[in-house]
Amino acid sequence: MTFPEIVEALTHGGFESYTVDYRRSTATYYLPSGESLELAAHGDGLTVGESFDTEALKGAIHEAQTLAPGYTYKGFSAKAKAAGCAGYLVSFLGRRALYFARTGETHAEHFPTPS
C-alpha cells in the first residue's frame, strides 16, 4: 500500500494517528477516545544511527512520496534508521509526520498537497 492508501484506510477505521518506534519494533495506532492498539513491527536487526542526518532522512521520505523505482517500506525504514531516526508520529488531524532522533531532535514533514 502507498502512504495515501494507508492514511485512507486508517482514517476510515476511525484512527487519528499512529507512532512507529524503531527501537522497540512496534507500531501504535490511536483512536480519538484515547484507546490504542499496539502491534509488533517487523524487526530487521538494524540499530538507529547515533546522529540525526535530516538530509538523508528527507531523501528517504522523498523516495516514499514519489514511489521511486525499487521503493519498499523495509528499505525506507533501513534508510531512516541509518539517518538516526528512532521513530515517527503520523497525525492525520495535523496532516504531518514528526520524525524523531535518539537525541530528541525532530524533523516535521507535512503531507503532500494532492494534485
Protein backbone atom coordinates (compact mmCIF):
# COMPACT_ATOMS: atom_id res chain seq x y z
CA MET A 1 0.00 0.00 0.00
CA THR A 2 1.12 3.55 -0.65
CA PHE A 3 1.20 6.09 2.17
CA PRO A 4 -2.01 7.81 0.96
CA GLU A 5 -3.75 4.41 0.87
CA ILE A 6 -2.59 3.67 4.40
CA VAL A 7 -3.83 7.06 5.62
CA GLU A 8 -7.21 6.50 3.96
CA ALA A 9 -7.61 3.01 5.42
CA LEU A 10 -6.66 4.07 8.95
CA THR A 11 -8.82 7.21 8.96
CA HIS A 12 -11.72 5.18 7.57
CA GLY A 13 -11.16 2.82 10.52
CA GLY A 14 -11.50 5.77 12.93
CA PHE A 15 -7.83 6.23 13.82
CA GLU A 16 -6.40 9.74 14.19
CA SER A 17 -2.69 8.98 14.43
CA TYR A 18 -0.03 6.33 14.81
CA THR A 19 3.52 6.04 16.08
CA VAL A 20 6.30 3.79 14.83
CA ASP A 21 9.07 3.05 17.34
CA TYR A 22 12.08 1.59 15.55
CA ARG A 23 13.91 0.80 18.79
CA ARG A 24 11.08 -1.34 20.14
CA SER A 25 9.89 -2.59 16.73
CA THR A 26 6.31 -1.53 17.48
CA ALA A 27 3.57 0.46 15.82
CA THR A 28 0.83 2.03 17.96
CA TYR A 29 -2.45 3.23 16.46
CA TYR A 30 -4.56 5.81 18.34
CA LEU A 31 -8.31 6.40 18.39
CA PRO A 32 -9.87 9.76 19.39
CA SER A 33 -11.28 8.08 22.53
CA GLY A 34 -7.77 7.56 23.90
CA GLU A 35 -7.79 3.86 23.17
CA SER A 36 -4.82 2.48 21.30
CA LEU A 37 -3.67 -0.68 19.59
CA GLU A 38 0.00 -1.68 19.73
CA LEU A 39 1.33 -4.18 17.22
CA ALA A 40 4.72 -5.72 16.74
CA ALA A 41 6.51 -4.36 13.71
CA HIS A 42 8.98 -6.33 11.66
CA GLY A 43 12.40 -6.01 13.25
CA ASP A 44 15.34 -6.02 10.87
CA GLY A 45 18.20 -6.17 13.36
CA LEU A 46 19.44 -2.72 12.34
CA THR A 47 20.21 -0.16 15.03
CA VAL A 48 19.30 3.50 14.95
CA GLY A 49 22.22 5.73 13.96
CA GLU A 50 23.72 7.94 16.63
CA SER A 51 23.48 11.24 14.74
CA PHE A 52 20.39 12.68 13.09
CA ASP A 53 21.04 13.26 9.37
CA THR A 54 17.95 15.16 8.26
CA GLU A 55 19.12 15.39 4.64
CA ALA A 56 19.43 11.60 4.38
CA LEU A 57 16.03 11.24 6.08
CA LYS A 58 14.46 13.75 3.67
CA GLY A 59 15.88 11.69 0.79
CA ALA A 60 14.22 8.53 2.12
CA ILE A 61 10.95 10.42 2.61
CA HIS A 62 11.13 11.77 -0.95
CA GLU A 63 11.58 8.25 -2.32
CA ALA A 64 8.48 7.16 -0.40
CA GLN A 65 6.42 10.16 -1.55
CA THR A 66 7.33 9.67 -5.20
CA LEU A 67 7.25 5.85 -5.07
CA ALA A 68 10.75 5.79 -6.55
CA PRO A 69 11.61 2.63 -8.51
CA GLY A 70 12.53 -0.14 -6.07
CA TYR A 71 10.96 1.67 -3.08
CA THR A 72 9.87 -0.56 -0.21
CA TYR A 73 8.85 0.30 3.32
CA LYS A 74 11.56 -2.04 4.60
CA GLY A 75 14.15 -0.11 2.59
CA PHE A 76 12.71 3.20 3.81
CA SER A 77 12.96 2.05 7.42
CA ALA A 78 16.58 0.94 6.97
CA LYS A 79 17.48 4.35 5.49
CA ALA A 80 15.58 6.21 8.22
CA LYS A 81 17.35 4.25 10.96
CA ALA A 82 20.75 4.81 9.33
CA ALA A 83 19.89 8.54 9.31
CA GLY A 84 19.38 8.41 13.07
CA CYS A 85 15.57 8.27 13.08
CA ALA A 86 14.37 6.42 16.18
CA GLY A 87 10.73 6.61 15.12
CA TYR A 88 7.95 8.82 13.92
CA LEU A 89 4.44 10.03 14.73
CA VAL A 90 1.89 10.46 11.95
CA SER A 91 -1.00 12.82 12.72
CA PHE A 92 -3.93 12.62 10.33
CA LEU A 93 -5.50 15.63 12.06
CA GLY A 94 -2.33 17.70 11.67
CA ARG A 95 -1.56 16.25 8.22
CA ARG A 96 2.09 15.72 9.10
CA ALA A 97 4.66 13.23 10.26
CA LEU A 98 7.12 14.08 13.01
CA TYR A 99 10.36 12.09 12.83
CA PHE A 100 12.48 11.97 15.99
CA ALA A 101 16.05 11.04 16.86
CA ARG A 102 17.57 9.40 19.91
CA THR A 103 18.71 12.89 20.94
CA GLY A 104 15.21 14.38 20.80
CA GLU A 105 15.90 16.24 17.55
CA THR A 106 12.93 16.29 15.20
CA HIS A 107 12.01 16.80 11.58
CA ALA A 108 8.41 17.63 10.60
CA GLU A 109 7.15 16.62 7.19
CA HIS A 110 3.74 17.90 6.05
CA PHE A 111 1.61 15.65 3.90
CA PRO A 112 1.99 16.47 0.22
CA THR A 113 -0.78 18.58 -1.25
CA PRO A 114 -2.94 16.44 -3.56
CA SER A 115 -2.53 17.36 -7.23
